[in-house]
Amino acid sequence: MNEIGPAGTASPDHEGLDRALLCARVRAEWAEALEHDRFGDDDDFFDLGGHSVLIAGIMANLAKLAGTRLSLRLFFDHPTVNELTDALAFTGAFGALTR
């Protein structure tokens, strides 16, 4: 299984990807980890009380969905729902999400 990291080495091919669906999934993972959904898509995860242990769980769940390993660094570099969604979409790993 390959790991997708922050360098953006994967193809930026977004074909078949429904960004809204991926964003909703990221938002749901955050809400579960934070145990609340009182945040906007541009709020910083760490400002909401998030920490590295929660990030590990979120990224593990998203990696299962994608069928590949995801670098935790990706989250640290993109700590908002919108930024993380765009970074994950850029990896191309979620193209099968809507199939």
PDB file of N, CA and C in Angstrom:
ATOM      1  N   MET A   1       0.844  -1.170   0.000  1.00  0.00           N
ATOM      2  CA  MET A   1       0.000   0.000   0.000  1.00  0.00           C
ATOM      3  C   MET A   1       0.895   1.241   0.000  1.00  0.00           C
ATOM      4  N   ASN A   2       0.686   2.139  -0.904  1.00  0.00           N
ATOM      5  CA  ASN A   2       1.468   3.368  -0.975  1.00  0.00           C
ATOM      6  C   ASN A   2       0.955   4.365   0.046  1.00  0.00           C
ATOM      7  N   GLU A   3       1.841   5.273   0.452  1.00  0.00           N
ATOM      8  CA  GLU A   3       1.436   6.339   1.357  1.00  0.00           C
ATOM      9  C   GLU A   3       1.400   7.634   0.577  1.00  0.00           C
ATOM     10  N   ILE A   4       0.352   8.395   0.803  1.00  0.00           N
ATOM     11  CA  ILE A   4       0.223   9.682   0.150  1.00  0.00           C
ATOM     12  C   ILE A   4       0.548  10.748   1.174  1.00  0.00           C
ATOM     13  N   GLY A   5       1.527  11.576   0.845  1.00  0.00           N
ATOM     14  CA  GLY A   5       1.995  12.568   1.793  1.00  0.00           C
ATOM     15  C   GLY A   5       1.770  13.980   1.320  1.00  0.00           C
ATOM     16  N   PRO A   6       2.365  14.930   2.031  1.00  0.00           N
ATOM     17  CA  PRO A   6       2.116  16.337   1.763  1.00  0.00           C
ATOM     18  C   PRO A   6       2.766  16.868   0.501  1.00  0.00           C
ATOM     19  N   ALA A   7       3.676  16.118  -0.081  1.00  0.00           N
ATOM     20  CA  ALA A   7       4.385  16.627  -1.253  1.00  0.00           C
ATOM     21  C   ALA A   7       3.492  16.720  -2.477  1.00  0.00           C
ATOM     22  N   GLY A   8       2.310  16.110  -2.426  1.00  0.00           N
ATOM     23  CA  GLY A   8       1.411  16.173  -3.567  1.00  0.00           C
ATOM     24  C   GLY A   8       1.940  15.394  -4.742  1.00  0.00           C
ATOM     25  N   THR A   9       2.589  14.272  -4.475  1.00  0.00           N
ATOM     26  CA  THR A   9       3.189  13.501  -5.548  1.00  0.00           C
ATOM     27  C   THR A   9       2.162  12.715  -6.346  1.00  0.00           C
ATOM     28  N   ALA A  10       0.976  12.566  -5.812  1.00  0.00           N
ATOM     29  CA  ALA A  10      -0.070  11.848  -6.534  1.00  0.00           C
ATOM     30  C   ALA A  10      -0.646  12.760  -7.615  1.00  0.00           C
ATOM     31  N   SER A  11      -1.282  12.161  -8.561  1.00  0.00           N
ATOM     32  CA  SER A  11      -1.881  12.903  -9.659  1.00  0.00           C
ATOM     33  C   SER A  11      -3.027  13.783  -9.174  1.00  0.00           C
ATOM     34  N   PRO A  12      -3.121  15.027  -9.678  1.00  0.00           N
ATOM     35  CA  PRO A  12      -4.217  15.894  -9.291  1.00  0.00           C
ATOM     36  C   PRO A  12      -5.495  15.619 -10.076  1.00  0.00           C
ATOM     37  N   ASP A  13      -5.657  14.412 -10.559  1.00  0.00           N
ATOM     38  CA  ASP A  13      -6.823  14.034 -11.344  1.00  0.00           C
ATOM     39  C   ASP A  13      -8.024  13.861 -10.424  1.00  0.00           C
ATOM     40  N   HIS A  14      -9.000  14.747 -10.530  1.00  0.00           N
ATOM     41  CA  HIS A  14     -10.165  14.718  -9.656  1.00  0.00           C
ATOM     42  C   HIS A  14     -11.354  14.019 -10.311  1.00  0.00           C
ATOM     43  N   GLU A  15     -11.140  13.354 -11.432  1.00  0.00           N
ATOM     44  CA  GLU A  15     -12.223  12.713 -12.160  1.00  0.00           C
ATOM     45  C   GLU A  15     -12.977  11.734 -11.268  1.00  0.00           C
ATOM     46  N   GLY A  16     -14.288  11.843 -11.260  1.00  0.00           N
ATOM     47  CA  GLY A  16     -15.117  10.940 -10.486  1.00  0.00           C
ATOM     48  C   GLY A  16     -15.255  11.339  -9.029  1.00  0.00           C
ATOM     49  N   LEU A  17     -14.585  12.400  -8.620  1.00  0.00           N
ATOM     50  CA  LEU A  17     -14.629  12.801  -7.221  1.00  0.00           C
ATOM     51  C   LEU A  17     -15.731  13.824  -6.999  1.00  0.00           C
ATOM     52  N   ASP A  18     -16.565  13.571  -6.034  1.00  0.00           N
ATOM     53  CA  ASP A  18     -17.579  14.538  -5.640  1.00  0.00           C
ATOM     54  C   ASP A  18     -17.042  15.261  -4.412  1.00  0.00           C
ATOM     55  N   ARG A  19     -16.536  16.477  -4.596  1.00  0.00           N
ATOM     56  CA  ARG A  19     -15.917  17.214  -3.501  1.00  0.00           C
ATOM     57  C   ARG A  19     -16.875  17.417  -2.343  1.00  0.00           C
ATOM     58  N   ALA A  20     -18.133  17.684  -2.638  1.00  0.00           N
ATOM     59  CA  ALA A  20     -19.104  17.908  -1.561  1.00  0.00           C
ATOM     60  C   ALA A  20     -19.245  16.675  -0.680  1.00  0.00           C
ATOM     61  N   LEU A  21     -19.231  15.508  -1.292  1.00  0.00           N
ATOM     62  CA  LEU A  21     -19.338  14.265  -0.527  1.00  0.00           C
ATOM     63  C   LEU A  21     -18.089  14.041   0.323  1.00  0.00           C
ATOM     64  N   LEU A  22     -16.923  14.301  -0.245  1.00  0.00           N
ATOM     65  CA  LEU A  22     -15.681  14.160   0.506  1.00  0.00           C
ATOM     66  C   LEU A  22     -15.642  15.162   1.659  1.00  0.00           C
ATOM     67  N   CYS A  23     -16.055  16.388   1.410  1.00  0.00           N
ATOM     68  CA  CYS A  23     -16.089  17.412   2.452  1.00  0.00           C
ATOM     69  C   CYS A  23     -17.027  16.988   3.586  1.00  0.00           C
ATOM     70  N   ALA A  24     -18.175  16.446   3.233  1.00  0.00           N
ATOM     71  CA  ALA A  24     -19.122  15.973   4.248  1.00  0.00           C
ATOM     72  C   ALA A  24     -18.510  14.852   5.078  1.00  0.00           C
ATOM     73  N   ARG A  25     -17.745  13.985   4.441  1.00  0.00           N
ATOM     74  CA  ARG A  25     -17.099  12.889   5.169  1.00  0.00           C
ATOM     75  C   ARG A  25     -16.027  13.422   6.116  1.00  0.00           C
ATOM     76  N   VAL A  26     -15.226  14.376   5.641  1.00  0.00           N
ATOM     77  CA  VAL A  26     -14.206  14.992   6.496  1.00  0.00           C
ATOM     78  C   VAL A  26     -14.881  15.669   7.688  1.00  0.00           C
ATOM     79  N   ARG A  27     -15.944  16.417   7.420  1.00  0.00           N
ATOM     80  CA  ARG A  27     -16.685  17.107   8.478  1.00  0.00           C
ATOM     81  C   ARG A  27     -17.232  16.109   9.499  1.00  0.00           C
ATOM     82  N   ALA A  28     -17.770  14.987   9.021  1.00  0.00           N
ATOM     83  CA  ALA A  28     -18.312  13.954   9.913  1.00  0.00           C
ATOM     84  C   ALA A  28     -17.216  13.337  10.779  1.00  0.00           C
ATOM     85  N   GLU A  29     -16.045  13.109  10.193  1.00  0.00           N
ATOM     86  CA  GLU A  29     -14.920  12.561  10.961  1.00  0.00           C
ATOM     87  C   GLU A  29     -14.486  13.539  12.053  1.00  0.00           C
ATOM     88  N   TRP A  30     -14.443  14.821  11.706  1.00  0.00           N
ATOM     89  CA  TRP A  30     -14.089  15.833  12.708  1.00  0.00           C
ATOM     90  C   TRP A  30     -15.116  15.856  13.825  1.00  0.00           C
ATOM     91  N   ALA A  31     -16.399  15.867  13.471  1.00  0.00           N
ATOM     92  CA  ALA A  31     -17.467  15.933  14.473  1.00  0.00           C
ATOM     93  C   ALA A  31     -17.395  14.742  15.425  1.00  0.00           C
ATOM     94  N   GLU A  32     -17.132  13.570  14.888  1.00  0.00           N
ATOM     95  CA  GLU A  32     -17.016  12.383  15.734  1.00  0.00           C
ATOM     96  C   GLU A  32     -15.811  12.505  16.671  1.00  0.00           C
ATOM     97  N   ALA A  33     -14.689  12.934  16.140  1.00  0.00           N
ATOM     98  CA  ALA A  33     -13.470  13.041  16.947  1.00  0.00           C
ATOM     99  C   ALA A  33     -13.594  14.132  18.017  1.00  0.00           C
ATOM    100  N   LEU A  34     -14.167  15.266  17.639  1.00  0.00           N
ATOM    101  CA  LEU A  34     -14.287  16.395  18.567  1.00  0.00           C
ATOM    102  C   LEU A  34     -15.494  16.264  19.498  1.00  0.00           C
ATOM    103  N   GLU A  35     -16.383  15.340  19.166  1.00  0.00           N
ATOM    104  CA  GLU A  35     -17.621  15.108  19.917  1.00  0.00           C
ATOM    105  C   GLU A  35     -18.544  16.325  19.898  1.00  0.00           C
ATOM    106  N   HIS A  36     -18.489  17.071  18.811  1.00  0.00           N
ATOM    107  CA  HIS A  36     -19.432  18.166  18.555  1.00  0.00           C
ATOM    108  C   HIS A  36     -19.298  18.571  17.087  1.00  0.00           C
ATOM    109  N   ASP A  37     -20.301  19.282  16.599  1.00  0.00           N
ATOM    110  CA  ASP A  37     -20.262  19.731  15.204  1.00  0.00           C
ATOM    111  C   ASP A  37     -20.385  21.251  15.101  1.00  0.00           C
ATOM    112  N   ARG A  38     -19.958  21.944  16.138  1.00  0.00           N
ATOM    113  CA  ARG A  38     -20.051  23.396  16.166  1.00  0.00           C
ATOM    114  C   ARG A  38     -18.767  24.019  15.609  1.00  0.00           C
ATOM    115  N   PHE A  39     -18.570  23.841  14.328  1.00  0.00           N
ATOM    116  CA  PHE A  39     -17.392  24.412  13.672  1.00  0.00           C
ATOM    117  C   PHE A  39     -17.728  24.675  12.218  1.00  0.00           C
ATOM    118  N   GLY A  40     -17.021  25.625  11.652  1.00  0.00           N
ATOM    119  CA  GLY A  40     -17.172  25.933  10.239  1.00  0.00           C
ATOM    120  C   GLY A  40     -16.081  25.251   9.432  1.00  0.00           C
ATOM    121  N   ASP A  41     -16.252  25.251   8.141  1.00  0.00           N
ATOM    122  CA  ASP A  41     -15.301  24.569   7.265  1.00  0.00           C
ATOM    123  C   ASP A  41     -13.948  25.266   7.179  1.00  0.00           C
ATOM    124  N   ASP A  42     -13.854  26.489   7.698  1.00  0.00           N
ATOM    125  CA  ASP A  42     -12.583  27.209   7.695  1.00  0.00           C
ATOM    126  C   ASP A  42     -12.003  27.385   9.098  1.00  0.00           C
ATOM    127  N   ASP A  43     -12.593  26.712  10.091  1.00  0.00           N
ATOM    128  CA  ASP A  43     -12.068  26.757  11.459  1.00  0.00           C
ATOM    129  C   ASP A  43     -10.877  25.812  11.585  1.00  0.00           C
ATOM    130  N   ASP A  44      -9.881  26.242  12.338  1.00  0.00           N
ATOM    131  CA  ASP A  44      -8.678  25.446  12.561  1.00  0.00           C
ATOM    132  C   ASP A  44      -8.960  24.349  13.587  1.00  0.00           C
ATOM    133  N   PHE A  45      -8.614  23.128  13.242  1.00  0.00           N
ATOM    134  CA  PHE A  45      -8.854  21.962  14.091  1.00  0.00           C
ATOM    135  C   PHE A  45      -8.260  22.145  15.488  1.00  0.00           C
ATOM    136  N   PHE A  46      -7.083  22.713  15.564  1.00  0.00           N
ATOM    137  CA  PHE A  46      -6.401  22.875  16.846  1.00  0.00           C
ATOM    138  C   PHE A  46      -7.069  23.940  17.707  1.00  0.00           C
ATOM    139  N   ASP A  47      -7.635  24.970  17.080  1.00  0.00           N
ATOM    140  CA  ASP A  47      -8.373  25.997  17.817  1.00  0.00           C
ATOM    141  C   ASP A  47      -9.669  25.434  18.403  1.00  0.00           C
ATOM    142  N   LEU A  48     -10.145  24.340  17.845  1.00  0.00           N
ATOM    143  CA  LEU A  48     -11.382  23.702  18.306  1.00  0.00           C
ATOM    144  C   LEU A  48     -11.125  22.674  19.408  1.00  0.00           C
ATOM    145  N   GLY A  49      -9.879  22.533  19.819  1.00  0.00           N
ATOM    146  CA  GLY A  49      -9.535  21.569  20.857  1.00  0.00           C
ATOM    147  C   GLY A  49      -8.971  20.271  20.324  1.00  0.00           C
ATOM    148  N   GLY A  50      -8.750  20.207  19.021  1.00  0.00           N
ATOM    149  CA  GLY A  50      -8.197  19.002  18.418  1.00  0.00           C
ATOM    150  C   GLY A  50      -6.731  18.816  18.759  1.00  0.00           C
ATOM    151  N   HIS A  51      -6.281  17.571  18.706  1.00  0.00           N
ATOM    152  CA  HIS A  51      -4.881  17.252  18.995  1.00  0.00           C
ATOM    153  C   HIS A  51      -4.456  16.045  18.163  1.00  0.00           C
ATOM    154  N   SER A  52      -3.177  15.708  18.262  1.00  0.00           N
ATOM    155  CA  SER A  52      -2.589  14.697  17.379  1.00  0.00           C
ATOM    156  C   SER A  52      -3.209  13.310  17.524  1.00  0.00           C
ATOM    157  N   VAL A  53      -3.643  12.938  18.716  1.00  0.00           N
ATOM    158  CA  VAL A  53      -4.269  11.619  18.885  1.00  0.00           C
ATOM    159  C   VAL A  53      -5.572  11.555  18.087  1.00  0.00           C
ATOM    160  N   LEU A  54      -6.340  12.634  18.104  1.00  0.00           N
ATOM    161  CA  LEU A  54      -7.581  12.679  17.320  1.00  0.00           C
ATOM    162  C   LEU A  54      -7.278  12.648  15.824  1.00  0.00           C
ATOM    163  N   ILE A  55      -6.220  13.337  15.424  1.00  0.00           N
ATOM    164  CA  ILE A  55      -5.831  13.356  14.016  1.00  0.00           C
ATOM    165  C   ILE A  55      -5.507  11.948  13.531  1.00  0.00           C
ATOM    166  N   ALA A  56      -4.806  11.189  14.346  1.00  0.00           N
ATOM    167  CA  ALA A  56      -4.449   9.821  13.957  1.00  0.00           C
ATOM    168  C   ALA A  56      -5.699   8.996  13.668  1.00  0.00           C
ATOM    169  N   GLY A  57      -6.723   9.133  14.486  1.00  0.00           N
ATOM    170  CA  GLY A  57      -7.969   8.405  14.262  1.00  0.00           C
ATOM    171  C   GLY A  57      -8.697   8.863  13.013  1.00  0.00           C
ATOM    172  N   ILE A  58      -8.761  10.168  12.820  1.00  0.00           N
ATOM    173  CA  ILE A  58      -9.422  10.719  11.635  1.00  0.00           C
ATOM    174  C   ILE A  58      -8.733  10.228  10.366  1.00  0.00           C
ATOM    175  N   MET A  59      -7.420  10.339  10.343  1.00  0.00           N
ATOM    176  CA  MET A  59      -6.682   9.951   9.143  1.00  0.00           C
ATOM    177  C   MET A  59      -6.740   8.445   8.909  1.00  0.00           C
ATOM    178  N   ALA A  60      -6.786   7.656   9.969  1.00  0.00           N
ATOM    179  CA  ALA A  60      -6.927   6.202   9.803  1.00  0.00           C
ATOM    180  C   ALA A  60      -8.271   5.871   9.166  1.00  0.00           C
ATOM    181  N   ASN A  61      -9.328   6.537   9.606  1.00  0.00           N
ATOM    182  CA  ASN A  61     -10.652   6.303   9.019  1.00  0.00           C
ATOM    183  C   ASN A  61     -10.697   6.734   7.559  1.00  0.00           C
ATOM    184  N   LEU A  62     -10.110   7.884   7.256  1.00  0.00           N
ATOM    185  CA  LEU A  62     -10.090   8.359   5.869  1.00  0.00           C
ATOM    186  C   LEU A  62      -9.215   7.461   4.996  1.00  0.00           C
ATOM    187  N   ALA A  63      -8.135   6.946   5.551  1.00  0.00           N
ATOM    188  CA  ALA A  63      -7.260   6.038   4.802  1.00  0.00           C
ATOM    189  C   ALA A  63      -7.988   4.744   4.454  1.00  0.00           C
ATOM    190  N   LYS A  64      -8.797   4.238   5.378  1.00  0.00           N
ATOM    191  CA  LYS A  64      -9.599   3.038   5.092  1.00  0.00           C
ATOM    192  C   LYS A  64     -10.539   3.307   3.930  1.00  0.00           C
ATOM    193  N   LEU A  65     -11.171   4.468   3.955  1.00  0.00           N
ATOM    194  CA  LEU A  65     -12.089   4.846   2.888  1.00  0.00           C
ATOM    195  C   LEU A  65     -11.363   4.943   1.548  1.00  0.00           C
ATOM    196  N   ALA A  66     -10.157   5.492   1.568  1.00  0.00           N
ATOM    197  CA  ALA A  66      -9.384   5.686   0.337  1.00  0.00           C
ATOM    198  C   ALA A  66      -8.689   4.414  -0.125  1.00  0.00           C
ATOM    199  N   GLY A  67      -8.466   3.498   0.806  1.00  0.00           N
ATOM    200  CA  GLY A  67      -7.745   2.279   0.453  1.00  0.00           C
ATOM    201  C   GLY A  67      -6.249   2.488   0.331  1.00  0.00           C
ATOM    202  N   THR A  68      -5.730   3.506   1.010  1.00  0.00           N
ATOM    203  CA  THR A  68      -4.300   3.797   1.000  1.00  0.00           C
ATOM    204  C   THR A  68      -3.918   4.462   2.312  1.00  0.00           C
ATOM    205  N   ARG A  69      -2.647   4.450   2.635  1.00  0.00           N
ATOM    206  CA  ARG A  69      -2.189   5.167   3.824  1.00  0.00           C
ATOM    207  C   ARG A  69      -2.125   6.654   3.513  1.00  0.00           C
ATOM    208  N   LEU A  70      -2.440   7.450   4.511  1.00  0.00           N
ATOM    209  CA  LEU A  70      -2.368   8.900   4.381  1.00  0.00           C
ATOM    210  C   LEU A  70      -1.428   9.434   5.452  1.00  0.00           C
ATOM    211  N   SER A  71      -0.552  10.308   5.070  1.00  0.00           N
ATOM    212  CA  SER A  71       0.396  10.899   6.002  1.00  0.00           C
ATOM    213  C   SER A  71      -0.326  11.815   6.988  1.00  0.00           C
ATOM    214  N   LEU A  72       0.022  11.710   8.261  1.00  0.00           N
ATOM    215  CA  LEU A  72      -0.536  12.625   9.259  1.00  0.00           C
ATOM    216  C   LEU A  72      -0.114  14.058   8.960  1.00  0.00           C
ATOM    217  N   ARG A  73       1.032  14.196   8.335  1.00  0.00           N
ATOM    218  CA  ARG A  73       1.545  15.524   7.975  1.00  0.00           C
ATOM    219  C   ARG A  73       0.549  16.271   7.083  1.00  0.00           C
ATOM    220  N   LEU A  74      -0.186  15.538   6.266  1.00  0.00           N
ATOM    221  CA  LEU A  74      -1.193  16.136   5.395  1.00  0.00           C
ATOM    222  C   LEU A  74      -2.193  16.935   6.226  1.00  0.00           C
ATOM    223  N   PHE A  75      -2.607  16.374   7.350  1.00  0.00           N
ATOM    224  CA  PHE A  75      -3.560  17.050   8.233  1.00  0.00           C
ATOM    225  C   PHE A  75      -2.916  18.270   8.883  1.00  0.00           C
ATOM    226  N   PHE A  76      -1.693  18.102   9.406  1.00  0.00           N
ATOM    227  CA  PHE A  76      -1.015  19.225  10.057  1.00  0.00           C
ATOM    228  C   PHE A  76      -0.810  20.390   9.090  1.00  0.00           C
ATOM    229  N   ASP A  77      -0.570  20.095   7.834  1.00  0.00           N
ATOM    230  CA  ASP A  77      -0.377  21.136   6.818  1.00  0.00           C
ATOM    231  C   ASP A  77      -1.691  21.754   6.350  1.00  0.00           C
ATOM    232  N   HIS A  78      -2.805  21.072   6.596  1.00  0.00           N
ATOM    233  CA  HIS A  78      -4.124  21.517   6.117  1.00  0.00           C
ATOM    234  C   HIS A  78      -5.146  21.337   7.236  1.00  0.00           C
ATOM    235  N   PRO A  79      -5.113  22.210   8.280  1.00  0.00           N
ATOM    236  CA  PRO A  79      -5.900  21.980   9.493  1.00  0.00           C
ATOM    237  C   PRO A  79      -7.338  22.496   9.487  1.00  0.00           C
ATOM    238  N   THR A  80      -7.893  22.805   8.314  1.00  0.00           N
ATOM    239  CA  THR A  80      -9.315  23.157   8.248  1.00  0.00           C
ATOM    240  C   THR A  80     -10.027  22.134   7.372  1.00  0.00           C
ATOM    241  N   VAL A  81     -11.337  22.059   7.510  1.00  0.00           N
ATOM    242  CA  VAL A  81     -12.107  21.111   6.697  1.00  0.00           C
ATOM    243  C   VAL A  81     -11.884  21.386   5.217  1.00  0.00           C
ATOM    244  N   ASN A  82     -11.987  22.660   4.820  1.00  0.00           N
ATOM    245  CA  ASN A  82     -11.817  22.992   3.400  1.00  0.00           C
ATOM    246  C   ASN A  82     -10.419  22.665   2.895  1.00  0.00           C
ATOM    247  N   GLU A  83      -9.400  23.030   3.663  1.00  0.00           N
ATOM    248  CA  GLU A  83      -8.025  22.754   3.236  1.00  0.00           C
ATOM    249  C   GLU A  83      -7.754  21.258   3.156  1.00  0.00           C
ATOM    250  N   LEU A  84      -8.208  20.512   4.168  1.00  0.00           N
ATOM    251  CA  LEU A  84      -7.971  19.072   4.173  1.00  0.00           C
ATOM    252  C   LEU A  84      -8.733  18.397   3.037  1.00  0.00           C
ATOM    253  N   THR A  85      -9.962  18.827   2.792  1.00  0.00           N
ATOM    254  CA  THR A  85     -10.741  18.264   1.687  1.00  0.00           C
ATOM    255  C   THR A  85     -10.023  18.475   0.363  1.00  0.00           C
ATOM    256  N   ASP A  86      -9.538  19.694   0.134  1.00  0.00           N
ATOM    257  CA  ASP A  86      -8.824  19.977  -1.115  1.00  0.00           C
ATOM    258  C   ASP A  86      -7.545  19.149  -1.225  1.00  0.00           C
ATOM    259  N   ALA A  87      -6.813  19.031  -0.122  1.00  0.00           N
ATOM    260  CA  ALA A  87      -5.574  18.244  -0.135  1.00  0.00           C
ATOM    261  C   ALA A  87      -5.866  16.772  -0.411  1.00  0.00           C
ATOM    262  N   LEU A  88      -6.906  16.242   0.209  1.00  0.00           N
ATOM    263  CA  LEU A  88      -7.277  14.847  -0.022  1.00  0.00           C
ATOM    264  C   LEU A  88      -7.754  14.640  -1.457  1.00  0.00           C
ATOM    265  N   ALA A  89      -8.520  15.587  -1.973  1.00  0.00           N
ATOM    266  CA  ALA A  89      -8.987  15.487  -3.357  1.00  0.00           C
ATOM    267  C   ALA A  89      -7.802  15.500  -4.316  1.00  0.00           C
ATOM    268  N   PHE A  90      -6.804  16.317  -4.014  1.00  0.00           N
ATOM    269  CA  PHE A  90      -5.616  16.424  -4.857  1.00  0.00           C
ATOM    270  C   PHE A  90      -4.873  15.095  -4.955  1.00  0.00           C
ATOM    271  N   THR A  91      -4.914  14.294  -3.894  1.00  0.00           N
ATOM    272  CA  THR A  91      -4.202  13.015  -3.905  1.00  0.00           C
ATOM    273  C   THR A  91      -4.761  12.066  -4.954  1.00  0.00           C
ATOM    274  N   GLY A  92      -6.030  12.237  -5.322  1.00  0.00           N
ATOM    275  CA  GLY A  92      -6.664  11.332  -6.275  1.00  0.00           C
ATOM    276  C   GLY A  92      -7.115  10.025  -5.654  1.00  0.00           C
ATOM    277  N   ALA A  93      -6.858   9.830  -4.373  1.00  0.00           N
ATOM    278  CA  ALA A  93      -7.166   8.564  -3.704  1.00  0.00           C
ATOM    279  C   ALA A  93      -8.654   8.352  -3.467  1.00  0.00           C
ATOM    280  N   PHE A  94      -9.446   9.401  -3.580  1.00  0.00           N
ATOM    281  CA  PHE A  94     -10.862   9.291  -3.264  1.00  0.00           C
ATOM    282  C   PHE A  94     -11.747   9.282  -4.500  1.00  0.00           C
ATOM    283  N   GLY A  95     -11.191   8.995  -5.655  1.00  0.00           N
ATOM    284  CA  GLY A  95     -11.963   8.977  -6.889  1.00  0.00           C
ATOM    285  C   GLY A  95     -13.089   7.972  -6.884  1.00  0.00           C
ATOM    286  N   ALA A  96     -12.939   6.889  -6.142  1.00  0.00           N
ATOM    287  CA  ALA A  96     -13.963   5.843  -6.091  1.00  0.00           C
ATOM    288  C   ALA A  96     -15.024   6.125  -5.042  1.00  0.00           C
ATOM    289  N   LEU A  97     -14.926   7.246  -4.359  1.00  0.00           N
ATOM    290  CA  LEU A  97     -15.836   7.557  -3.268  1.00  0.00           C
ATOM    291  C   LEU A  97     -17.291   7.569  -3.705  1.00  0.00           C
ATOM    292  N   THR A  98     -17.553   8.025  -4.906  1.00  0.00           N
ATOM    293  CA  THR A  98     -18.939   8.161  -5.348  1.00  0.00           C
ATOM    294  C   THR A  98     -19.376   7.058  -6.291  1.00  0.00           C
ATOM    295  N   ARG A  99     -18.532   6.074  -6.520  1.00  0.00           N
ATOM    296  CA  ARG A  99     -18.885   5.004  -7.452  1.00  0.00           C
ATOM    297  C   ARG A  99     -19.705   3.941  -6.780  1.00  0.00           C
TER     298      ARG A  99
END
